[in-house]
Amino acid sequence: MFFLQKILKKIINMNNEDEKHPFDPEDHPFDPFYPKKAKWLFLGTFPPKKEKWANNEEFNFYYPNFNNDMWRILALVFNKEKDHFEDVTQKKSFDKEKIKVFLEEKGIAMYNIAKKVVRLKDNASDKDLRITEYIKIKEIIENNKDLEYIVATGTKAYEKLIEQIVEIDQNFKKKLPIIGLWEEFIFKNRTIKFYRMPSSSKAYPKPLEKKVEFYKDMFSNNDEKSPHQ
């Protein structure tokens, strides 16, 4: 009886949550960015609401919030100034074209794990996103023949893809690796490394310099054997 009461209470709370936060479903605002012969695929969860985008909502690309450090991290990883990707013609914005050229040169694709979400609160936090439609990672790997590394730029992105990857390779380990490390899986004789990396959000409790170290190690050590093997 007590167990049934707990379940009923949980259902009621979920219904109350929906009534309390009647936000409409949101479709992903950006197209996936796939450079030719991309080896890397960075996957976050979902972009923030448009009013959080840089350049008065005009920076319509991945990691659009000026407070997010992804473009500063990648600038520092590749030995550039921290503000290398900032748009000098705009206040508090990034240069989308410069970023896209860089990603093309480095073979880095960008997308998110969620195609459609409902926000449970009026913020961009992963914990307040209800994902109602996911990307299909198998199709993405199939269509990007040079892809070797998938990078989850946050724990939720990693966790939510595990089941899809297990369907691809039943030997894939469901246990989360330590941040900065990876697990491997096999897709049609291709070995793919799946990294769990720290979030680039300032809400993630590590300084920028430490995050840069994680990403530098990832790019420099991607030919080493997995610590989990």
C-alpha atoms as a PDB file:
ATOM      1  CA  MET A   1       0.000   0.000   0.000  1.00  0.00           C
ATOM      2  CA  PHE A   2       2.775   2.416   0.941  1.00  0.00           C
ATOM      3  CA  PHE A   3       4.530   1.683  -2.379  1.00  0.00           C
ATOM      4  CA  LEU A   4       1.346   2.460  -4.337  1.00  0.00           C
ATOM      5  CA  GLN A   5       0.894   5.691  -2.420  1.00  0.00           C
ATOM      6  CA  LYS A   6       4.425   6.770  -3.376  1.00  0.00           C
ATOM      7  CA  ILE A   7       3.764   6.065  -7.042  1.00  0.00           C
ATOM      8  CA  LEU A   8       0.468   7.983  -6.941  1.00  0.00           C
ATOM      9  CA  LYS A   9       2.154  10.920  -5.249  1.00  0.00           C
ATOM     10  CA  LYS A  10       4.869  10.951  -7.911  1.00  0.00           C
ATOM     11  CA  ILE A  11       2.279  10.975 -10.713  1.00  0.00           C
ATOM     12  CA  ILE A  12       0.394  13.843  -9.068  1.00  0.00           C
ATOM     13  CA  ASN A  13       3.625  15.817  -8.671  1.00  0.00           C
ATOM     14  CA  MET A  14       4.488  15.292 -12.339  1.00  0.00           C
ATOM     15  CA  ASN A  15       1.050  16.553 -13.367  1.00  0.00           C
ATOM     16  CA  ASN A  16       1.413  19.552 -11.089  1.00  0.00           C
ATOM     17  CA  GLU A  17       4.829  20.222 -12.608  1.00  0.00           C
ATOM     18  CA  ASP A  18       3.307  20.350 -16.079  1.00  0.00           C
ATOM     19  CA  GLU A  19       0.595  22.735 -14.916  1.00  0.00           C
ATOM     20  CA  LYS A  20       3.088  24.910 -13.093  1.00  0.00           C
ATOM     21  CA  HIS A  21       5.384  25.197 -16.114  1.00  0.00           C
ATOM     22  CA  PRO A  22       3.179  25.349 -19.209  1.00  0.00           C
ATOM     23  CA  PHE A  23       5.992  26.047 -21.695  1.00  0.00           C
ATOM     24  CA  ASP A  24       5.438  25.049 -25.296  1.00  0.00           C
ATOM     25  CA  PRO A  25       7.626  22.362 -26.888  1.00  0.00           C
ATOM     26  CA  GLU A  26      10.652  23.831 -28.643  1.00  0.00           C
ATOM     27  CA  ASP A  27      12.208  22.506 -31.832  1.00  0.00           C
ATOM     28  CA  HIS A  28      15.959  22.751 -32.198  1.00  0.00           C
ATOM     29  CA  PRO A  29      16.731  26.202 -33.634  1.00  0.00           C
ATOM     30  CA  PHE A  30      19.882  25.281 -35.589  1.00  0.00           C
ATOM     31  CA  ASP A  31      20.753  22.877 -38.366  1.00  0.00           C
ATOM     32  CA  PRO A  32      23.481  20.372 -37.496  1.00  0.00           C
ATOM     33  CA  PHE A  33      26.914  21.560 -38.592  1.00  0.00           C
ATOM     34  CA  TYR A  34      28.827  18.818 -40.405  1.00  0.00           C
ATOM     35  CA  PRO A  35      32.117  19.793 -42.067  1.00  0.00           C
ATOM     36  CA  LYS A  36      33.307  17.553 -44.880  1.00  0.00           C
ATOM     37  CA  LYS A  37      35.267  14.609 -43.490  1.00  0.00           C
ATOM     38  CA  ALA A  38      34.525  15.603 -39.886  1.00  0.00           C
ATOM     39  CA  LYS A  39      36.358  13.374 -37.383  1.00  0.00           C
ATOM     40  CA  TRP A  40      34.904  14.967 -34.264  1.00  0.00           C
ATOM     41  CA  LEU A  41      31.274  15.461 -33.236  1.00  0.00           C
ATOM     42  CA  PHE A  42      30.560  17.708 -30.259  1.00  0.00           C
ATOM     43  CA  LEU A  43      27.163  17.084 -28.646  1.00  0.00           C
ATOM     44  CA  GLY A  44      25.600  19.309 -26.017  1.00  0.00           C
ATOM     45  CA  THR A  45      22.029  18.996 -24.805  1.00  0.00           C
ATOM     46  CA  PHE A  46      20.016  21.907 -26.252  1.00  0.00           C
ATOM     47  CA  PRO A  47      20.594  25.644 -26.844  1.00  0.00           C
ATOM     48  CA  PRO A  48      19.337  28.277 -24.414  1.00  0.00           C
ATOM     49  CA  LYS A  49      16.305  30.379 -25.202  1.00  0.00           C
ATOM     50  CA  LYS A  50      16.806  32.963 -27.933  1.00  0.00           C
ATOM     51  CA  GLU A  51      16.949  35.906 -25.566  1.00  0.00           C
ATOM     52  CA  LYS A  52      20.139  34.388 -24.143  1.00  0.00           C
ATOM     53  CA  TRP A  53      21.926  34.361 -27.505  1.00  0.00           C
ATOM     54  CA  ALA A  54      24.808  36.779 -28.031  1.00  0.00           C
ATOM     55  CA  ASN A  55      24.619  39.880 -30.225  1.00  0.00           C
ATOM     56  CA  ASN A  56      21.022  40.730 -29.351  1.00  0.00           C
ATOM     57  CA  GLU A  57      19.863  37.234 -30.284  1.00  0.00           C
ATOM     58  CA  GLU A  58      21.650  37.326 -33.682  1.00  0.00           C
ATOM     59  CA  PHE A  59      24.366  34.766 -32.904  1.00  0.00           C
ATOM     60  CA  ASN A  60      22.414  31.763 -34.168  1.00  0.00           C
ATOM     61  CA  PHE A  61      24.976  29.017 -33.769  1.00  0.00           C
ATOM     62  CA  TYR A  62      26.063  26.460 -31.201  1.00  0.00           C
ATOM     63  CA  TYR A  63      26.975  27.613 -27.689  1.00  0.00           C
ATOM     64  CA  PRO A  64      25.329  30.991 -28.401  1.00  0.00           C
ATOM     65  CA  ASN A  65      25.319  32.406 -24.875  1.00  0.00           C
ATOM     66  CA  PHE A  66      28.234  34.833 -24.499  1.00  0.00           C
ATOM     67  CA  ASN A  67      28.722  33.589 -20.938  1.00  0.00           C
ATOM     68  CA  ASN A  68      29.322  30.045 -22.169  1.00  0.00           C
ATOM     69  CA  ASP A  69      33.043  29.276 -22.451  1.00  0.00           C
ATOM     70  CA  MET A  70      33.119  26.741 -25.306  1.00  0.00           C
ATOM     71  CA  TRP A  71      34.594  29.135 -27.867  1.00  0.00           C
ATOM     72  CA  ARG A  72      37.123  30.402 -25.306  1.00  0.00           C
ATOM     73  CA  ILE A  73      38.077  26.817 -24.446  1.00  0.00           C
ATOM     74  CA  LEU A  74      38.677  25.866 -28.079  1.00  0.00           C
ATOM     75  CA  ALA A  75      40.599  29.086 -28.703  1.00  0.00           C
ATOM     76  CA  LEU A  76      42.961  28.331 -25.822  1.00  0.00           C
ATOM     77  CA  VAL A  77      43.265  24.638 -26.709  1.00  0.00           C
ATOM     78  CA  PHE A  78      44.557  25.559 -30.144  1.00  0.00           C
ATOM     79  CA  ASN A  79      47.003  28.150 -28.785  1.00  0.00           C
ATOM     80  CA  LYS A  80      45.035  31.246 -29.642  1.00  0.00           C
ATOM     81  CA  GLU A  81      44.020  34.174 -27.468  1.00  0.00           C
ATOM     82  CA  LYS A  82      41.026  33.525 -25.213  1.00  0.00           C
ATOM     83  CA  ASP A  83      38.980  36.122 -27.074  1.00  0.00           C
ATOM     84  CA  HIS A  84      40.063  34.870 -30.529  1.00  0.00           C
ATOM     85  CA  PHE A  85      36.494  34.007 -31.573  1.00  0.00           C
ATOM     86  CA  GLU A  86      34.889  37.146 -30.212  1.00  0.00           C
ATOM     87  CA  ASP A  87      33.339  39.516 -32.737  1.00  0.00           C
ATOM     88  CA  VAL A  88      35.280  42.790 -32.586  1.00  0.00           C
ATOM     89  CA  THR A  89      32.450  44.628 -34.382  1.00  0.00           C
ATOM     90  CA  GLN A  90      29.844  43.683 -31.760  1.00  0.00           C
ATOM     91  CA  LYS A  91      29.686  43.997 -28.008  1.00  0.00           C
ATOM     92  CA  LYS A  92      29.638  40.640 -26.202  1.00  0.00           C
ATOM     93  CA  SER A  93      29.316  38.403 -29.240  1.00  0.00           C
ATOM     94  CA  PHE A  94      31.176  35.758 -31.206  1.00  0.00           C
ATOM     95  CA  ASP A  95      32.236  35.726 -34.849  1.00  0.00           C
ATOM     96  CA  LYS A  96      30.178  32.935 -36.362  1.00  0.00           C
ATOM     97  CA  GLU A  97      32.002  32.888 -39.692  1.00  0.00           C
ATOM     98  CA  LYS A  98      35.421  32.696 -38.038  1.00  0.00           C
ATOM     99  CA  ILE A  99      34.169  29.856 -35.853  1.00  0.00           C
ATOM    100  CA  LYS A 100      32.768  27.934 -38.824  1.00  0.00           C
ATOM    101  CA  VAL A 101      36.047  28.270 -40.756  1.00  0.00           C
ATOM    102  CA  PHE A 102      37.928  26.973 -37.714  1.00  0.00           C
ATOM    103  CA  LEU A 103      35.572  24.011 -37.318  1.00  0.00           C
ATOM    104  CA  GLU A 104      35.922  23.159 -41.005  1.00  0.00           C
ATOM    105  CA  GLU A 105      39.719  23.217 -40.724  1.00  0.00           C
ATOM    106  CA  LYS A 106      39.737  21.012 -37.612  1.00  0.00           C
ATOM    107  CA  GLY A 107      37.009  18.631 -38.797  1.00  0.00           C
ATOM    108  CA  ILE A 108      34.734  19.343 -35.826  1.00  0.00           C
ATOM    109  CA  ALA A 109      30.974  18.872 -36.235  1.00  0.00           C
ATOM    110  CA  MET A 110      28.418  20.450 -33.903  1.00  0.00           C
ATOM    111  CA  TYR A 111      24.975  19.258 -32.854  1.00  0.00           C
ATOM    112  CA  ASN A 112      22.899  18.524 -29.725  1.00  0.00           C
ATOM    113  CA  ILE A 113      21.338  15.326 -28.422  1.00  0.00           C
ATOM    114  CA  ALA A 114      17.812  16.804 -28.266  1.00  0.00           C
ATOM    115  CA  LYS A 115      15.749  17.722 -31.315  1.00  0.00           C
ATOM    116  CA  LYS A 116      12.745  18.838 -29.266  1.00  0.00           C
ATOM    117  CA  VAL A 117      12.352  19.773 -25.598  1.00  0.00           C
ATOM    118  CA  VAL A 118       9.963  21.220 -23.057  1.00  0.00           C
ATOM    119  CA  ARG A 119      11.474  23.586 -20.508  1.00  0.00           C
ATOM    120  CA  LEU A 120      10.297  22.874 -16.976  1.00  0.00           C
ATOM    121  CA  LYS A 121      11.666  26.218 -15.809  1.00  0.00           C
ATOM    122  CA  ASP A 122      12.456  29.448 -17.571  1.00  0.00           C
ATOM    123  CA  ASN A 123      16.193  28.798 -17.832  1.00  0.00           C
ATOM    124  CA  ALA A 124      18.793  26.880 -19.853  1.00  0.00           C
ATOM    125  CA  SER A 125      19.760  24.310 -17.224  1.00  0.00           C
ATOM    126  CA  ASP A 126      20.005  20.701 -18.429  1.00  0.00           C
ATOM    127  CA  LYS A 127      18.196  19.463 -15.327  1.00  0.00           C
ATOM    128  CA  ASP A 128      15.165  21.576 -16.255  1.00  0.00           C
ATOM    129  CA  LEU A 129      14.836  20.190 -19.779  1.00  0.00           C
ATOM    130  CA  ARG A 130      12.392  17.424 -20.627  1.00  0.00           C
ATOM    131  CA  ILE A 131      13.620  15.912 -23.884  1.00  0.00           C
ATOM    132  CA  THR A 132      10.740  14.778 -26.069  1.00  0.00           C
ATOM    133  CA  GLU A 133      12.704  13.860 -29.198  1.00  0.00           C
ATOM    134  CA  TYR A 134      16.299  12.725 -29.536  1.00  0.00           C
ATOM    135  CA  ILE A 135      18.718  12.709 -32.425  1.00  0.00           C
ATOM    136  CA  LYS A 136      19.455   9.315 -34.000  1.00  0.00           C
ATOM    137  CA  ILE A 137      23.147   8.778 -33.405  1.00  0.00           C
ATOM    138  CA  LYS A 138      23.302   5.663 -35.588  1.00  0.00           C
ATOM    139  CA  GLU A 139      22.146   7.644 -38.634  1.00  0.00           C
ATOM    140  CA  ILE A 140      24.637  10.405 -37.893  1.00  0.00           C
ATOM    141  CA  ILE A 141      27.549   7.963 -37.726  1.00  0.00           C
ATOM    142  CA  GLU A 142      26.317   6.233 -40.880  1.00  0.00           C
ATOM    143  CA  ASN A 143      26.206   9.525 -42.787  1.00  0.00           C
ATOM    144  CA  ASN A 144      29.580  10.809 -41.549  1.00  0.00           C
ATOM    145  CA  LYS A 145      32.036   8.173 -42.732  1.00  0.00           C
ATOM    146  CA  ASP A 146      35.135   9.836 -41.244  1.00  0.00           C
ATOM    147  CA  LEU A 147      33.711  10.290 -37.749  1.00  0.00           C
ATOM    148  CA  GLU A 148      35.979   8.829 -35.065  1.00  0.00           C
ATOM    149  CA  TYR A 149      35.218  10.783 -31.883  1.00  0.00           C
ATOM    150  CA  ILE A 150      31.934  11.773 -30.255  1.00  0.00           C
ATOM    151  CA  VAL A 151      32.277  14.351 -27.491  1.00  0.00           C
ATOM    152  CA  ALA A 152      29.494  14.786 -24.929  1.00  0.00           C
ATOM    153  CA  THR A 153      30.000  18.299 -23.601  1.00  0.00           C
ATOM    154  CA  GLY A 154      28.229  17.538 -20.351  1.00  0.00           C
ATOM    155  CA  THR A 155      27.055  14.558 -18.316  1.00  0.00           C
ATOM    156  CA  LYS A 156      23.414  14.651 -19.431  1.00  0.00           C
ATOM    157  CA  ALA A 157      24.432  14.482 -23.088  1.00  0.00           C
ATOM    158  CA  TYR A 158      26.529  11.386 -22.327  1.00  0.00           C
ATOM    159  CA  GLU A 159      23.902   9.657 -20.186  1.00  0.00           C
ATOM    160  CA  LYS A 160      21.058  10.185 -22.643  1.00  0.00           C
ATOM    161  CA  LEU A 161      22.969   8.628 -25.557  1.00  0.00           C
ATOM    162  CA  ILE A 162      24.022   5.470 -23.727  1.00  0.00           C
ATOM    163  CA  GLU A 163      20.934   3.444 -24.663  1.00  0.00           C
ATOM    164  CA  GLN A 164      21.283   4.315 -28.347  1.00  0.00           C
ATOM    165  CA  ILE A 165      24.927   3.290 -28.327  1.00  0.00           C
ATOM    166  CA  VAL A 166      24.157   0.003 -26.573  1.00  0.00           C
ATOM    167  CA  GLU A 167      21.806  -0.754 -29.467  1.00  0.00           C
ATOM    168  CA  ILE A 168      24.750  -0.229 -31.821  1.00  0.00           C
ATOM    169  CA  ASP A 169      27.240  -2.239 -29.740  1.00  0.00           C
ATOM    170  CA  GLN A 170      25.899  -4.462 -26.968  1.00  0.00           C
ATOM    171  CA  ASN A 171      29.368  -4.634 -25.414  1.00  0.00           C
ATOM    172  CA  PHE A 172      29.401  -0.902 -24.729  1.00  0.00           C
ATOM    173  CA  LYS A 173      29.781  -0.190 -21.016  1.00  0.00           C
ATOM    174  CA  LYS A 174      26.864   1.733 -19.529  1.00  0.00           C
ATOM    175  CA  LYS A 175      28.895   2.984 -16.577  1.00  0.00           C
ATOM    176  CA  LEU A 176      29.871   6.656 -16.842  1.00  0.00           C
ATOM    177  CA  PRO A 177      33.603   7.171 -17.386  1.00  0.00           C
ATOM    178  CA  ILE A 178      35.454   9.748 -15.335  1.00  0.00           C
ATOM    179  CA  ILE A 179      35.169  13.238 -16.831  1.00  0.00           C
ATOM    180  CA  GLY A 180      37.822  13.650 -19.512  1.00  0.00           C
ATOM    181  CA  LEU A 181      37.891   9.944 -20.408  1.00  0.00           C
ATOM    182  CA  TRP A 182      36.017   7.822 -22.915  1.00  0.00           C
ATOM    183  CA  GLU A 183      34.549   4.469 -23.812  1.00  0.00           C
ATOM    184  CA  GLU A 184      34.816   2.821 -27.230  1.00  0.00           C
ATOM    185  CA  PHE A 185      32.147   1.158 -29.308  1.00  0.00           C
ATOM    186  CA  ILE A 186      32.110  -0.563 -32.675  1.00  0.00           C
ATOM    187  CA  PHE A 187      29.895   0.386 -35.594  1.00  0.00           C
ATOM    188  CA  LYS A 188      30.302  -1.650 -38.783  1.00  0.00           C
ATOM    189  CA  ASN A 189      34.007  -2.297 -38.167  1.00  0.00           C
ATOM    190  CA  ARG A 190      34.583   1.335 -37.200  1.00  0.00           C
ATOM    191  CA  THR A 191      35.862   2.109 -33.716  1.00  0.00           C
ATOM    192  CA  ILE A 192      34.286   5.239 -32.227  1.00  0.00           C
ATOM    193  CA  LYS A 193      35.490   6.885 -29.026  1.00  0.00           C
ATOM    194  CA  PHE A 194      32.749   8.445 -26.909  1.00  0.00           C
ATOM    195  CA  TYR A 195      34.116  11.122 -24.550  1.00  0.00           C
ATOM    196  CA  ARG A 196      32.530  12.502 -21.416  1.00  0.00           C
ATOM    197  CA  MET A 197      33.781  16.084 -21.063  1.00  0.00           C
ATOM    198  CA  PRO A 198      33.111  18.905 -18.597  1.00  0.00           C
ATOM    199  CA  SER A 199      30.371  21.359 -19.439  1.00  0.00           C
ATOM    200  CA  SER A 200      31.507  24.692 -20.862  1.00  0.00           C
ATOM    201  CA  SER A 201      28.783  26.461 -18.884  1.00  0.00           C
ATOM    202  CA  LYS A 202      30.010  28.797 -16.171  1.00  0.00           C
ATOM    203  CA  ALA A 203      27.560  27.006 -13.874  1.00  0.00           C
ATOM    204  CA  TYR A 204      29.846  23.959 -13.989  1.00  0.00           C
ATOM    205  CA  PRO A 205      32.124  24.299 -10.922  1.00  0.00           C
ATOM    206  CA  LYS A 206      35.560  24.213 -12.511  1.00  0.00           C
ATOM    207  CA  PRO A 207      37.691  27.173 -13.620  1.00  0.00           C
ATOM    208  CA  LEU A 208      38.208  27.847 -17.327  1.00  0.00           C
ATOM    209  CA  GLU A 209      41.874  26.825 -17.111  1.00  0.00           C
ATOM    210  CA  LYS A 210      40.970  23.370 -15.788  1.00  0.00           C
ATOM    211  CA  LYS A 211      38.399  22.835 -18.536  1.00  0.00           C
ATOM    212  CA  VAL A 212      40.994  23.818 -21.124  1.00  0.00           C
ATOM    213  CA  GLU A 213      43.321  21.141 -19.729  1.00  0.00           C
ATOM    214  CA  PHE A 214      40.625  18.465 -20.186  1.00  0.00           C
ATOM    215  CA  TYR A 215      40.017  19.452 -23.804  1.00  0.00           C
ATOM    216  CA  LYS A 216      43.720  19.796 -24.600  1.00  0.00           C
ATOM    217  CA  ASP A 217      44.313  16.286 -23.305  1.00  0.00           C
ATOM    218  CA  MET A 218      41.425  14.971 -25.374  1.00  0.00           C
ATOM    219  CA  PHE A 219      42.746  16.375 -28.632  1.00  0.00           C
ATOM    220  CA  SER A 220      46.373  15.457 -27.951  1.00  0.00           C
ATOM    221  CA  ASN A 221      45.754  11.940 -26.606  1.00  0.00           C
ATOM    222  CA  ASN A 222      43.074  10.657 -28.959  1.00  0.00           C
ATOM    223  CA  ASP A 223      45.350   7.941 -30.302  1.00  0.00           C
ATOM    224  CA  GLU A 224      46.063   6.400 -26.919  1.00  0.00           C
ATOM    225  CA  LYS A 225      44.392   3.234 -25.674  1.00  0.00           C
ATOM    226  CA  SER A 226      41.269   3.785 -23.570  1.00  0.00           C
ATOM    227  CA  PRO A 227      41.984   3.695 -19.803  1.00  0.00           C
ATOM    228  CA  HIS A 228      38.930   1.434 -19.517  1.00  0.00           C
ATOM    229  CA  GLN A 229      40.238  -1.286 -21.821  1.00  0.00           C
END
